[in-house]
Every structure is written in structure tokens, then in C-alpha cells.
Amino acid sequence: MTTTTQKLLTKYQDIYKKATEHNLTNELCQGTLSDRTLYAYLAQDVQFFETGLKLICKITSMAPETDSLITLAKKIGFFANDENTYFRDCLELLAPSLSTEDREKFDNKLIPGVDSYVQYLEELTNDDFTYAELITYLWAAEQIYLQWAHESPRKSSLHWKYQTWIDLHDGEHFITWVDFLAKEVNNLTVEEVEGVFAKVTAHEFEFFDKCYSA
């Protein structure tokens, strides 16, 4: 039997492919992404991160089963520690290579395209969305990151500024996390969650695209 996640990935394969095979992530995995573009991407993502963390807290509070509650709660700690530490360390490393004008452009304000995704997350956080819709947002976003981090051609001996970001979104720990989210979504029907999946996949592509061309 075809699962809900398989149906969604098949139906939206074109935009999913664009989101998971973008030049930004391809170059990141090859170690050729410029410091300026990496900084732009991470500076925007760290602003996205705060809203995303609030949203995962909301999702966790809505978990219908104890096992789901515990799994989601554990992941909040990972986001707040490992991922947050990477942002701080990498932006500090890259900052001297950027002009003051560029840093001001990317720090503390969202560029067009990224801002619309954050606005969507704020809607999910503040409005009356169901657990089904919210867990689908989380699965869609994490599935996209697992896909590019796990499948993109990758050079060996990458600088930690690239490798650490890849490692945060690949390996057994992340595969297990995405498998859990997929199982949650597979308890739902396509009709319940298709709208959220389509929007999130398009927003993820737009995030990469706008940061790459900024």
C-alpha cells in the first residue's frame, strides 16, 4: 500500500527535486559555496530558527501519544544546543570575510522570500492549525534537509563550516528523526495534510533560492 508520504513526494516531485537539488546545497556539499552566500543563508536561517523553535514547542504540546511527546521534546533540546551552537560559531568564523554592508543586509532582518516563509511559520504557530498539519510541516522540512544532506554528491575532507551542517542533517540520528515524523504523517490522509506539504516544499525552495541570489 502506498503511504501518505510516498503519495505526497510523488505528486510534488518537481518542486521537491528543485528544493533538494539546489545549487546552494550542491555547492555546500562540494565545499565550493562562497563564504558570502553561506553567511547569508545561515544569518537568515538563524532568524528563521527562533520562530521554528517556537513552532516545534507548540507541536510537542499537541502530541496525541506519550511516545510522540517524548520524541519531540528530546528534539527541542537538540535544536537548542547542537544547531544553535553551529550557527554562532560559523557566523563568527565567516563575518570577517564580509563587508559591513553585507552583514547589515543579512543580520537581524529577513530578505524577500525568506520573510514569507517566516510569516507562514508564525501563522502555524499562532493560528488554529491541527497536529496533523503541523507535524506535516515538520516532516516536509526535515525530509528535504535529509534528502540533500544524504544524497548530494559530497567531497571528502570538507571544512567544518560545511561538514558540520551536513552532519546535523544526516546520519543515523537524523534518519531516525525523519522516520518518526514520516510515521506520524502516514497515520493521516493526503487530504488532511496536502496543503501544508505543498506550501512548505515551495517555501523551502524559495529560501535556498533567495539566499543563493542575495
N, C-alpha and C. Protein backbone atom coordinates (compact mmCIF):
# COMPACT_ATOMS: atom_id res chain seq x y z
N MET A 1 0.84 -1.19 0.00
CA MET A 1 0.00 0.00 0.00
C MET A 1 0.88 1.26 0.00
N THR A 2 0.54 2.20 -0.84
CA THR A 2 1.29 3.45 -0.92
C THR A 2 0.94 4.33 0.26
N THR A 3 1.96 4.82 0.95
CA THR A 3 1.73 5.63 2.15
C THR A 3 1.43 7.08 1.78
N THR A 4 0.96 7.82 2.76
CA THR A 4 0.68 9.24 2.55
C THR A 4 1.95 10.00 2.16
N THR A 5 3.05 9.72 2.83
CA THR A 5 4.29 10.43 2.50
C THR A 5 4.75 10.11 1.08
N GLN A 6 4.63 8.86 0.66
CA GLN A 6 5.02 8.49 -0.69
C GLN A 6 4.14 9.19 -1.73
N LYS A 7 2.86 9.27 -1.44
CA LYS A 7 1.94 9.94 -2.36
C LYS A 7 2.29 11.42 -2.51
N LEU A 8 2.61 12.06 -1.40
CA LEU A 8 2.96 13.48 -1.44
C LEU A 8 4.26 13.71 -2.21
N LEU A 9 5.26 12.88 -1.95
CA LEU A 9 6.53 13.04 -2.63
C LEU A 9 6.41 12.79 -4.12
N THR A 10 5.54 11.89 -4.50
CA THR A 10 5.33 11.60 -5.92
C THR A 10 4.56 12.73 -6.59
N LYS A 11 3.49 13.18 -5.97
CA LYS A 11 2.65 14.22 -6.57
C LYS A 11 3.42 15.53 -6.73
N TYR A 12 4.29 15.85 -5.78
CA TYR A 12 5.01 17.12 -5.80
C TYR A 12 6.49 16.92 -6.11
N GLN A 13 6.79 15.92 -6.91
CA GLN A 13 8.19 15.56 -7.17
C GLN A 13 8.97 16.67 -7.86
N ASP A 14 8.32 17.48 -8.67
CA ASP A 14 9.05 18.53 -9.39
C ASP A 14 9.59 19.59 -8.44
N ILE A 15 8.75 20.14 -7.57
CA ILE A 15 9.21 21.16 -6.64
C ILE A 15 10.10 20.53 -5.56
N TYR A 16 9.83 19.29 -5.20
CA TYR A 16 10.68 18.60 -4.24
C TYR A 16 12.10 18.44 -4.79
N LYS A 17 12.20 18.10 -6.05
CA LYS A 17 13.51 17.95 -6.69
C LYS A 17 14.24 19.29 -6.72
N LYS A 18 13.53 20.36 -7.02
CA LYS A 18 14.14 21.69 -7.04
C LYS A 18 14.64 22.09 -5.66
N ALA A 19 13.89 21.72 -4.63
CA ALA A 19 14.27 22.07 -3.26
C ALA A 19 15.44 21.25 -2.75
N THR A 20 15.59 20.03 -3.22
CA THR A 20 16.62 19.13 -2.68
C THR A 20 17.87 19.05 -3.56
N GLU A 21 17.83 19.66 -4.74
CA GLU A 21 18.99 19.64 -5.63
C GLU A 21 19.37 21.07 -6.04
N HIS A 22 19.25 21.99 -5.09
CA HIS A 22 19.53 23.39 -5.39
C HIS A 22 21.04 23.64 -5.44
N ASN A 23 21.44 24.66 -6.21
CA ASN A 23 22.86 24.99 -6.29
C ASN A 23 23.46 25.29 -4.92
N LEU A 24 22.67 25.89 -4.03
CA LEU A 24 23.19 26.24 -2.71
C LEU A 24 23.65 24.99 -1.97
N THR A 25 22.80 23.99 -1.90
CA THR A 25 23.17 22.78 -1.16
C THR A 25 24.15 21.92 -1.95
N ASN A 26 24.05 21.92 -3.28
CA ASN A 26 25.04 21.19 -4.08
C ASN A 26 26.44 21.73 -3.85
N GLU A 27 26.57 23.05 -3.87
CA GLU A 27 27.88 23.67 -3.68
C GLU A 27 28.36 23.53 -2.23
N LEU A 28 27.43 23.57 -1.29
CA LEU A 28 27.79 23.36 0.11
C LEU A 28 28.43 21.98 0.28
N CYS A 29 27.82 20.98 -0.34
CA CYS A 29 28.33 19.61 -0.20
C CYS A 29 29.63 19.39 -0.98
N GLN A 30 29.91 20.25 -1.93
CA GLN A 30 31.17 20.18 -2.67
C GLN A 30 32.25 21.07 -2.06
N GLY A 31 31.87 21.89 -1.08
CA GLY A 31 32.83 22.78 -0.46
C GLY A 31 33.17 23.98 -1.32
N THR A 32 32.31 24.32 -2.27
CA THR A 32 32.58 25.45 -3.17
C THR A 32 31.64 26.63 -2.93
N LEU A 33 30.72 26.51 -2.00
CA LEU A 33 29.81 27.61 -1.70
C LEU A 33 30.60 28.76 -1.10
N SER A 34 30.41 29.96 -1.63
CA SER A 34 31.18 31.11 -1.15
C SER A 34 30.86 31.44 0.29
N ASP A 35 31.81 32.05 0.98
CA ASP A 35 31.58 32.46 2.37
C ASP A 35 30.43 33.46 2.45
N ARG A 36 30.31 34.34 1.47
CA ARG A 36 29.25 35.33 1.49
C ARG A 36 27.88 34.66 1.41
N THR A 37 27.73 33.68 0.52
CA THR A 37 26.44 33.00 0.37
C THR A 37 26.14 32.13 1.59
N LEU A 38 27.16 31.46 2.11
CA LEU A 38 26.95 30.65 3.31
C LEU A 38 26.54 31.55 4.47
N TYR A 39 27.18 32.69 4.60
CA TYR A 39 26.82 33.62 5.66
C TYR A 39 25.38 34.11 5.49
N ALA A 40 25.03 34.49 4.27
CA ALA A 40 23.67 34.97 4.01
C ALA A 40 22.65 33.90 4.40
N TYR A 41 22.90 32.68 3.98
CA TYR A 41 21.99 31.56 4.27
C TYR A 41 21.86 31.32 5.78
N LEU A 42 22.99 31.27 6.47
CA LEU A 42 22.95 30.98 7.91
C LEU A 42 22.39 32.15 8.72
N ALA A 43 22.73 33.38 8.32
CA ALA A 43 22.20 34.55 9.02
C ALA A 43 20.69 34.63 8.89
N GLN A 44 20.17 34.23 7.72
CA GLN A 44 18.73 34.18 7.54
C GLN A 44 18.12 33.00 8.31
N ASP A 45 18.82 31.88 8.29
CA ASP A 45 18.29 30.68 8.94
C ASP A 45 18.26 30.84 10.45
N VAL A 46 19.20 31.57 11.03
CA VAL A 46 19.20 31.73 12.48
C VAL A 46 18.00 32.59 12.91
N GLN A 47 17.55 33.48 12.05
CA GLN A 47 16.34 34.25 12.34
C GLN A 47 15.10 33.36 12.18
N PHE A 48 15.12 32.51 11.19
CA PHE A 48 14.06 31.52 10.97
C PHE A 48 13.99 30.55 12.15
N PHE A 49 15.16 30.23 12.71
CA PHE A 49 15.30 29.23 13.76
C PHE A 49 14.44 29.55 14.98
N GLU A 50 14.42 30.81 15.39
CA GLU A 50 13.67 31.16 16.60
C GLU A 50 12.18 30.89 16.44
N THR A 51 11.63 31.29 15.30
CA THR A 51 10.21 31.03 15.05
C THR A 51 9.96 29.53 14.92
N GLY A 52 10.88 28.84 14.25
CA GLY A 52 10.74 27.39 14.11
C GLY A 52 10.78 26.66 15.44
N LEU A 53 11.62 27.15 16.37
CA LEU A 53 11.70 26.52 17.68
C LEU A 53 10.40 26.72 18.46
N LYS A 54 9.81 27.90 18.35
CA LYS A 54 8.51 28.14 18.99
C LYS A 54 7.45 27.19 18.43
N LEU A 55 7.53 26.97 17.12
CA LEU A 55 6.54 26.10 16.48
C LEU A 55 6.69 24.66 16.92
N ILE A 56 7.92 24.17 17.02
CA ILE A 56 8.09 22.78 17.45
C ILE A 56 7.66 22.61 18.90
N CYS A 57 7.80 23.66 19.71
CA CYS A 57 7.27 23.59 21.08
C CYS A 57 5.75 23.44 21.06
N LYS A 58 5.10 24.16 20.14
CA LYS A 58 3.65 24.03 20.01
C LYS A 58 3.27 22.63 19.55
N ILE A 59 3.99 22.13 18.56
CA ILE A 59 3.70 20.78 18.04
C ILE A 59 3.85 19.75 19.16
N THR A 60 4.92 19.90 19.94
CA THR A 60 5.16 18.95 21.04
C THR A 60 4.00 18.97 22.04
N SER A 61 3.51 20.15 22.35
CA SER A 61 2.41 20.27 23.32
C SER A 61 1.12 19.63 22.82
N MET A 62 1.02 19.45 21.50
CA MET A 62 -0.19 18.88 20.90
C MET A 62 -0.08 17.39 20.61
N ALA A 63 1.08 16.79 20.90
CA ALA A 63 1.30 15.39 20.56
C ALA A 63 0.21 14.50 21.18
N PRO A 64 -0.41 13.63 20.39
CA PRO A 64 -1.52 12.83 20.89
C PRO A 64 -1.10 11.61 21.70
N GLU A 65 0.15 11.17 21.57
CA GLU A 65 0.63 9.99 22.26
C GLU A 65 1.89 10.32 23.07
N THR A 66 2.10 9.61 24.17
CA THR A 66 3.24 9.87 25.03
C THR A 66 4.56 9.66 24.29
N ASP A 67 4.66 8.60 23.49
CA ASP A 67 5.91 8.34 22.76
C ASP A 67 6.24 9.50 21.83
N SER A 68 5.23 10.02 21.17
CA SER A 68 5.45 11.16 20.27
C SER A 68 5.88 12.39 21.06
N LEU A 69 5.25 12.60 22.19
CA LEU A 69 5.59 13.73 23.06
C LEU A 69 7.05 13.68 23.47
N ILE A 70 7.51 12.52 23.90
CA ILE A 70 8.89 12.38 24.38
C ILE A 70 9.88 12.58 23.23
N THR A 71 9.59 11.99 22.08
CA THR A 71 10.49 12.13 20.93
C THR A 71 10.62 13.58 20.50
N LEU A 72 9.51 14.28 20.42
CA LEU A 72 9.53 15.69 20.03
C LEU A 72 10.24 16.54 21.08
N ALA A 73 10.00 16.26 22.35
CA ALA A 73 10.63 17.03 23.42
C ALA A 73 12.14 16.87 23.40
N LYS A 74 12.62 15.67 23.15
CA LYS A 74 14.07 15.44 23.07
C LYS A 74 14.68 16.25 21.93
N LYS A 75 13.95 16.37 20.83
CA LYS A 75 14.49 17.09 19.68
C LYS A 75 14.60 18.59 19.95
N ILE A 76 13.73 19.11 20.79
CA ILE A 76 13.84 20.54 21.15
C ILE A 76 15.21 20.81 21.78
N GLY A 77 15.66 19.92 22.64
CA GLY A 77 16.97 20.07 23.26
C GLY A 77 18.10 20.05 22.25
N PHE A 78 17.98 19.18 21.23
CA PHE A 78 19.00 19.12 20.18
C PHE A 78 19.06 20.42 19.41
N PHE A 79 17.90 20.95 19.03
CA PHE A 79 17.87 22.21 18.28
C PHE A 79 18.50 23.34 19.11
N ALA A 80 18.16 23.38 20.39
CA ALA A 80 18.62 24.47 21.24
C ALA A 80 20.11 24.40 21.54
N ASN A 81 20.71 23.22 21.39
CA ASN A 81 22.13 23.06 21.72
C ASN A 81 22.99 22.93 20.47
N ASP A 82 22.96 21.78 19.81
CA ASP A 82 23.87 21.50 18.70
C ASP A 82 23.70 22.48 17.55
N GLU A 83 22.46 22.69 17.13
CA GLU A 83 22.23 23.52 15.95
C GLU A 83 22.51 24.99 16.28
N ASN A 84 22.07 25.44 17.42
CA ASN A 84 22.29 26.83 17.81
C ASN A 84 23.78 27.14 17.95
N THR A 85 24.54 26.19 18.48
CA THR A 85 25.98 26.37 18.63
C THR A 85 26.66 26.51 17.27
N TYR A 86 26.24 25.70 16.31
CA TYR A 86 26.81 25.79 14.96
C TYR A 86 26.57 27.17 14.36
N PHE A 87 25.35 27.66 14.46
CA PHE A 87 25.07 29.00 13.93
C PHE A 87 26.04 30.03 14.49
N ARG A 88 26.17 30.06 15.79
CA ARG A 88 27.01 31.06 16.45
C ARG A 88 28.46 30.94 16.00
N ASP A 89 28.99 29.72 16.00
CA ASP A 89 30.40 29.51 15.68
C ASP A 89 30.69 29.81 14.21
N CYS A 90 29.80 29.38 13.33
CA CYS A 90 30.07 29.55 11.90
C CYS A 90 29.92 31.01 11.47
N LEU A 91 28.91 31.68 11.96
CA LEU A 91 28.74 33.09 11.62
C LEU A 91 29.91 33.93 12.14
N GLU A 92 30.42 33.58 13.30
CA GLU A 92 31.59 34.27 13.84
C GLU A 92 32.81 34.05 12.95
N LEU A 93 32.96 32.82 12.44
CA LEU A 93 34.07 32.50 11.55
C LEU A 93 33.98 33.28 10.24
N LEU A 94 32.78 33.37 9.68
CA LEU A 94 32.60 33.95 8.35
C LEU A 94 32.54 35.48 8.35
N ALA A 95 32.13 36.07 9.45
CA ALA A 95 31.86 37.52 9.49
C ALA A 95 33.01 38.39 8.98
N PRO A 96 34.27 38.10 9.33
CA PRO A 96 35.36 38.98 8.88
C PRO A 96 35.53 39.04 7.37
N SER A 97 35.02 38.02 6.66
CA SER A 97 35.19 38.00 5.20
C SER A 97 34.12 38.80 4.47
N LEU A 98 33.14 39.32 5.21
CA LEU A 98 32.06 40.09 4.60
C LEU A 98 32.22 41.57 4.88
N SER A 99 31.68 42.36 3.98
CA SER A 99 31.67 43.81 4.21
C SER A 99 30.64 44.15 5.27
N THR A 100 30.80 45.30 5.87
CA THR A 100 29.82 45.78 6.84
C THR A 100 28.44 45.88 6.20
N GLU A 101 28.41 46.31 4.95
CA GLU A 101 27.14 46.45 4.24
C GLU A 101 26.44 45.11 4.09
N ASP A 102 27.19 44.07 3.75
CA ASP A 102 26.61 42.74 3.60
C ASP A 102 26.10 42.19 4.93
N ARG A 103 26.90 42.38 5.97
CA ARG A 103 26.46 41.88 7.28
C ARG A 103 25.16 42.58 7.72
N GLU A 104 25.08 43.86 7.47
CA GLU A 104 23.86 44.60 7.83
C GLU A 104 22.68 44.13 6.99
N LYS A 105 22.95 43.73 5.75
CA LYS A 105 21.89 43.27 4.86
C LYS A 105 21.29 41.96 5.34
N PHE A 106 22.13 41.07 5.88
CA PHE A 106 21.68 39.73 6.22
C PHE A 106 21.37 39.52 7.70
N ASP A 107 21.93 40.36 8.57
CA ASP A 107 21.72 40.20 10.01
C ASP A 107 20.45 40.93 10.45
N ASN A 108 19.68 40.26 11.28
CA ASN A 108 18.57 40.91 12.00
C ASN A 108 17.43 41.43 11.13
N LYS A 109 17.43 41.09 9.86
CA LYS A 109 16.27 41.38 9.02
C LYS A 109 16.19 40.32 7.94
N LEU A 110 14.99 40.03 7.50
CA LEU A 110 14.75 38.95 6.56
C LEU A 110 14.68 39.49 5.14
N ILE A 111 15.32 38.77 4.22
CA ILE A 111 15.26 39.16 2.82
C ILE A 111 13.94 38.67 2.22
N PRO A 112 13.45 39.32 1.16
CA PRO A 112 12.22 38.89 0.50
C PRO A 112 12.31 37.43 0.06
N GLY A 113 11.26 36.69 0.29
CA GLY A 113 11.25 35.26 0.00
C GLY A 113 11.44 34.45 1.26
N VAL A 114 12.43 34.82 2.06
CA VAL A 114 12.61 34.20 3.37
C VAL A 114 11.55 34.74 4.33
N ASP A 115 11.27 36.03 4.22
CA ASP A 115 10.29 36.64 5.12
C ASP A 115 8.91 36.00 4.99
N SER A 116 8.55 35.61 3.78
CA SER A 116 7.23 34.99 3.58
C SER A 116 7.15 33.61 4.24
N TYR A 117 8.28 32.89 4.27
CA TYR A 117 8.31 31.59 4.94
C TYR A 117 8.17 31.78 6.45
N VAL A 118 8.87 32.74 7.01
CA VAL A 118 8.77 33.01 8.44
C VAL A 118 7.36 33.46 8.80
N GLN A 119 6.75 34.26 7.95
CA GLN A 119 5.36 34.67 8.17
C GLN A 119 4.43 33.47 8.20
N TYR A 120 4.71 32.50 7.32
CA TYR A 120 3.90 31.28 7.31
C TYR A 120 4.09 30.48 8.61
N LEU A 121 5.33 30.40 9.09
CA LEU A 121 5.57 29.72 10.36
C LEU A 121 4.85 30.42 11.50
N GLU A 122 4.83 31.74 11.46
CA GLU A 122 4.13 32.49 12.51
C GLU A 122 2.63 32.19 12.46
N GLU A 123 2.09 32.05 11.27
CA GLU A 123 0.68 31.66 11.14
C GLU A 123 0.45 30.28 11.75
N LEU A 124 1.35 29.34 11.45
CA LEU A 124 1.21 27.99 12.00
C LEU A 124 1.32 28.00 13.52
N THR A 125 2.16 28.89 14.05
CA THR A 125 2.37 28.95 15.49
C THR A 125 1.18 29.59 16.20
N ASN A 126 0.60 30.60 15.59
CA ASN A 126 -0.39 31.42 16.29
C ASN A 126 -1.85 31.07 15.97
N ASP A 127 -2.08 30.47 14.81
CA ASP A 127 -3.45 30.20 14.40
C ASP A 127 -3.87 28.78 14.75
N ASP A 128 -5.11 28.46 14.41
CA ASP A 128 -5.72 27.21 14.87
C ASP A 128 -5.48 26.08 13.87
N PHE A 129 -4.22 25.64 13.77
CA PHE A 129 -3.89 24.51 12.91
C PHE A 129 -3.89 23.23 13.74
N THR A 130 -4.14 22.11 13.09
CA THR A 130 -4.21 20.83 13.77
C THR A 130 -2.82 20.21 13.93
N TYR A 131 -2.72 19.23 14.82
CA TYR A 131 -1.48 18.48 14.95
C TYR A 131 -1.10 17.85 13.62
N ALA A 132 -2.09 17.34 12.90
CA ALA A 132 -1.83 16.72 11.60
C ALA A 132 -1.13 17.68 10.66
N GLU A 133 -1.60 18.89 10.58
CA GLU A 133 -0.99 19.89 9.69
C GLU A 133 0.40 20.29 10.17
N LEU A 134 0.56 20.45 11.47
CA LEU A 134 1.83 20.91 12.00
C LEU A 134 2.91 19.85 11.92
N ILE A 135 2.57 18.60 12.18
CA ILE A 135 3.58 17.54 12.09
C ILE A 135 3.97 17.32 10.64
N THR A 136 3.06 17.63 9.73
CA THR A 136 3.39 17.52 8.30
C THR A 136 4.35 18.61 7.88
N TYR A 137 4.17 19.83 8.40
CA TYR A 137 5.16 20.88 8.16
C TYR A 137 6.54 20.39 8.58
N LEU A 138 6.63 19.84 9.78
CA LEU A 138 7.93 19.45 10.32
C LEU A 138 8.55 18.33 9.50
N TRP A 139 7.73 17.34 9.13
CA TRP A 139 8.26 16.25 8.31
C TRP A 139 8.74 16.76 6.96
N ALA A 140 7.95 17.60 6.30
CA ALA A 140 8.32 18.09 4.96
C ALA A 140 9.65 18.83 5.01
N ALA A 141 9.81 19.72 5.98
CA ALA A 141 11.05 20.49 6.08
C ALA A 141 12.25 19.59 6.37
N GLU A 142 12.09 18.65 7.30
CA GLU A 142 13.20 17.79 7.68
C GLU A 142 13.51 16.76 6.59
N GLN A 143 12.49 16.29 5.89
CA GLN A 143 12.70 15.35 4.79
C GLN A 143 13.53 16.00 3.68
N ILE A 144 13.26 17.24 3.40
CA ILE A 144 14.03 17.96 2.38
C ILE A 144 15.50 18.07 2.79
N TYR A 145 15.75 18.38 4.05
CA TYR A 145 17.13 18.50 4.52
C TYR A 145 17.84 17.15 4.53
N LEU A 146 17.15 16.11 4.93
CA LEU A 146 17.75 14.78 4.90
C LEU A 146 18.10 14.39 3.46
N GLN A 147 17.21 14.69 2.54
CA GLN A 147 17.43 14.31 1.13
C GLN A 147 18.70 14.94 0.58
N TRP A 148 18.85 16.27 0.74
CA TRP A 148 20.04 16.88 0.14
C TRP A 148 21.31 16.50 0.91
N ALA A 149 21.22 16.44 2.25
CA ALA A 149 22.41 16.13 3.04
C ALA A 149 22.88 14.70 2.81
N HIS A 150 21.95 13.78 2.60
CA HIS A 150 22.29 12.36 2.47
C HIS A 150 22.63 11.98 1.03
N GLU A 151 21.99 12.63 0.06
CA GLU A 151 22.09 12.17 -1.32
C GLU A 151 22.98 13.05 -2.21
N SER A 152 23.23 14.29 -1.84
CA SER A 152 24.03 15.16 -2.71
C SER A 152 25.46 14.64 -2.81
N PRO A 153 26.05 14.67 -4.01
CA PRO A 153 27.47 14.30 -4.13
C PRO A 153 28.31 15.17 -3.19
N ARG A 154 29.21 14.52 -2.47
CA ARG A 154 29.94 15.22 -1.41
C ARG A 154 31.43 14.96 -1.51
N LYS A 155 32.21 16.01 -1.40
CA LYS A 155 33.65 15.86 -1.37
C LYS A 155 34.09 15.45 0.03
N SER A 156 35.20 14.76 0.10
CA SER A 156 35.76 14.37 1.40
C SER A 156 36.59 15.51 1.97
N SER A 157 36.84 15.43 3.25
CA SER A 157 37.69 16.40 3.96
C SER A 157 37.20 17.83 3.79
N LEU A 158 35.91 18.02 3.92
CA LEU A 158 35.33 19.36 3.84
C LEU A 158 35.69 20.16 5.09
N HIS A 159 35.77 21.47 4.94
CA HIS A 159 35.94 22.36 6.10
C HIS A 159 34.74 22.18 7.03
N TRP A 160 34.98 22.35 8.32
CA TRP A 160 33.89 22.11 9.28
C TRP A 160 32.69 23.01 9.04
N LYS A 161 32.91 24.20 8.44
CA LYS A 161 31.78 25.10 8.19
C LYS A 161 30.75 24.47 7.26
N TYR A 162 31.21 23.56 6.40
CA TYR A 162 30.30 22.80 5.53
C TYR A 162 29.90 21.47 6.19
N GLN A 163 30.91 20.73 6.65
CA GLN A 163 30.68 19.37 7.12
C GLN A 163 29.76 19.30 8.32
N THR A 164 29.90 20.23 9.24
CA THR A 164 29.07 20.18 10.44
C THR A 164 27.60 20.37 10.09
N TRP A 165 27.32 21.28 9.17
CA TRP A 165 25.92 21.49 8.77
C TRP A 165 25.35 20.26 8.09
N ILE A 166 26.17 19.59 7.27
CA ILE A 166 25.74 18.34 6.65
C ILE A 166 25.47 17.29 7.73
N ASP A 167 26.40 17.15 8.66
CA ASP A 167 26.27 16.12 9.70
C ASP A 167 25.04 16.33 10.57
N LEU A 168 24.66 17.58 10.79
CA LEU A 168 23.46 17.86 11.59
C LEU A 168 22.19 17.36 10.91
N HIS A 169 22.27 17.12 9.58
CA HIS A 169 21.09 16.74 8.82
C HIS A 169 21.27 15.40 8.11
N ASP A 170 22.18 14.59 8.61
CA ASP A 170 22.42 13.27 8.02
C ASP A 170 22.86 12.33 9.14
N GLY A 171 23.03 11.07 8.81
CA GLY A 171 23.45 10.09 9.80
C GLY A 171 22.26 9.46 10.51
N GLU A 172 22.56 8.48 11.33
CA GLU A 172 21.52 7.68 11.98
C GLU A 172 20.57 8.53 12.82
N HIS A 173 21.12 9.53 13.54
CA HIS A 173 20.27 10.34 14.42
C HIS A 173 19.20 11.08 13.64
N PHE A 174 19.57 11.60 12.47
CA PHE A 174 18.61 12.40 11.70
C PHE A 174 17.67 11.50 10.89
N ILE A 175 18.19 10.39 10.39
CA ILE A 175 17.34 9.43 9.68
C ILE A 175 16.25 8.91 10.61
N THR A 176 16.62 8.57 11.85
CA THR A 176 15.65 8.09 12.83
C THR A 176 14.58 9.14 13.11
N TRP A 177 15.00 10.40 13.22
CA TRP A 177 14.08 11.51 13.46
C TRP A 177 13.09 11.67 12.31
N VAL A 178 13.59 11.66 11.09
CA VAL A 178 12.71 11.83 9.92
C VAL A 178 11.79 10.62 9.76
N ASP A 179 12.28 9.43 10.08
CA ASP A 179 11.43 8.23 10.03
C ASP A 179 10.27 8.36 11.02
N PHE A 180 10.56 8.88 12.21
CA PHE A 180 9.49 9.11 13.20
C PHE A 180 8.45 10.07 12.64
N LEU A 181 8.89 11.18 12.07
CA LEU A 181 7.95 12.16 11.53
C LEU A 181 7.14 11.56 10.38
N ALA A 182 7.78 10.78 9.55
CA ALA A 182 7.06 10.14 8.43
C ALA A 182 5.98 9.20 8.94
N LYS A 183 6.29 8.46 9.99
CA LYS A 183 5.29 7.56 10.57
C LYS A 183 4.09 8.33 11.11
N GLU A 184 4.35 9.48 11.71
CA GLU A 184 3.25 10.30 12.20
C GLU A 184 2.37 10.75 11.03
N VAL A 185 3.00 11.19 9.95
CA VAL A 185 2.24 11.66 8.78
C VAL A 185 1.52 10.51 8.10
N ASN A 186 2.10 9.33 8.14
CA ASN A 186 1.46 8.19 7.48
C ASN A 186 0.22 7.69 8.22
N ASN A 187 -0.02 8.21 9.40
CA ASN A 187 -1.28 7.93 10.10
C ASN A 187 -2.40 8.84 9.61
N LEU A 188 -2.07 9.76 8.71
CA LEU A 188 -3.02 10.76 8.24
C LEU A 188 -3.35 10.53 6.78
N THR A 189 -4.37 11.21 6.30
CA THR A 189 -4.73 11.11 4.88
C THR A 189 -4.08 12.25 4.10
N VAL A 190 -3.90 12.03 2.82
CA VAL A 190 -3.36 13.07 1.95
C VAL A 190 -4.22 14.33 2.03
N GLU A 191 -5.53 14.14 2.06
CA GLU A 191 -6.46 15.27 2.07
C GLU A 191 -6.26 16.16 3.30
N GLU A 192 -5.89 15.56 4.41
CA GLU A 192 -5.68 16.32 5.65
C GLU A 192 -4.45 17.23 5.58
N VAL A 193 -3.43 16.81 4.85
CA VAL A 193 -2.13 17.47 5.00
C VAL A 193 -1.50 17.98 3.70
N GLU A 194 -2.13 17.73 2.58
CA GLU A 194 -1.53 18.08 1.29
C GLU A 194 -1.22 19.57 1.17
N GLY A 195 -2.13 20.42 1.64
CA GLY A 195 -1.94 21.85 1.52
C GLY A 195 -0.69 22.33 2.21
N VAL A 196 -0.46 21.83 3.42
CA VAL A 196 0.73 22.22 4.17
C VAL A 196 1.99 21.72 3.48
N PHE A 197 1.97 20.48 3.03
CA PHE A 197 3.15 19.92 2.37
C PHE A 197 3.53 20.73 1.14
N ALA A 198 2.56 21.08 0.34
CA ALA A 198 2.82 21.84 -0.88
C ALA A 198 3.43 23.20 -0.56
N LYS A 199 2.89 23.88 0.44
CA LYS A 199 3.39 25.21 0.80
C LYS A 199 4.81 25.13 1.36
N VAL A 200 5.06 24.18 2.25
CA VAL A 200 6.37 24.08 2.87
C VAL A 200 7.44 23.75 1.84
N THR A 201 7.16 22.85 0.93
CA THR A 201 8.14 22.47 -0.08
C THR A 201 8.48 23.66 -0.97
N ALA A 202 7.47 24.42 -1.36
CA ALA A 202 7.71 25.62 -2.17
C ALA A 202 8.50 26.66 -1.38
N HIS A 203 8.18 26.84 -0.11
CA HIS A 203 8.91 27.79 0.73
C HIS A 203 10.36 27.38 0.93
N GLU A 204 10.62 26.08 1.09
CA GLU A 204 11.99 25.62 1.26
C GLU A 204 12.83 25.92 0.03
N PHE A 205 12.27 25.67 -1.15
CA PHE A 205 12.98 26.01 -2.38
C PHE A 205 13.26 27.51 -2.44
N GLU A 206 12.26 28.31 -2.11
CA GLU A 206 12.39 29.76 -2.17
C GLU A 206 13.47 30.25 -1.20
N PHE A 207 13.54 29.63 -0.04
CA PHE A 207 14.55 30.00 0.96
C PHE A 207 15.95 29.83 0.36
N PHE A 208 16.22 28.64 -0.18
CA PHE A 208 17.53 28.40 -0.80
C PHE A 208 17.78 29.37 -1.94
N ASP A 209 16.78 29.56 -2.76
CA ASP A 209 16.94 30.35 -3.97
C ASP A 209 17.24 31.82 -3.68
N LYS A 210 16.51 32.38 -2.73
CA LYS A 210 16.71 33.80 -2.41
C LYS A 210 18.04 34.02 -1.69
N CYS A 211 18.44 33.12 -0.85
CA CYS A 211 19.74 33.26 -0.19
C CYS A 211 20.87 33.11 -1.20
N TYR A 212 20.70 32.23 -2.16
CA TYR A 212 21.75 31.99 -3.16
C TYR A 212 21.95 33.21 -4.05
N SER A 213 20.87 33.90 -4.33
CA SER A 213 20.95 35.03 -5.26
C SER A 213 21.04 36.39 -4.56
N ALA A 214 21.09 36.38 -3.23
CA ALA A 214 21.08 37.64 -2.47
C ALA A 214 22.31 38.49 -2.73
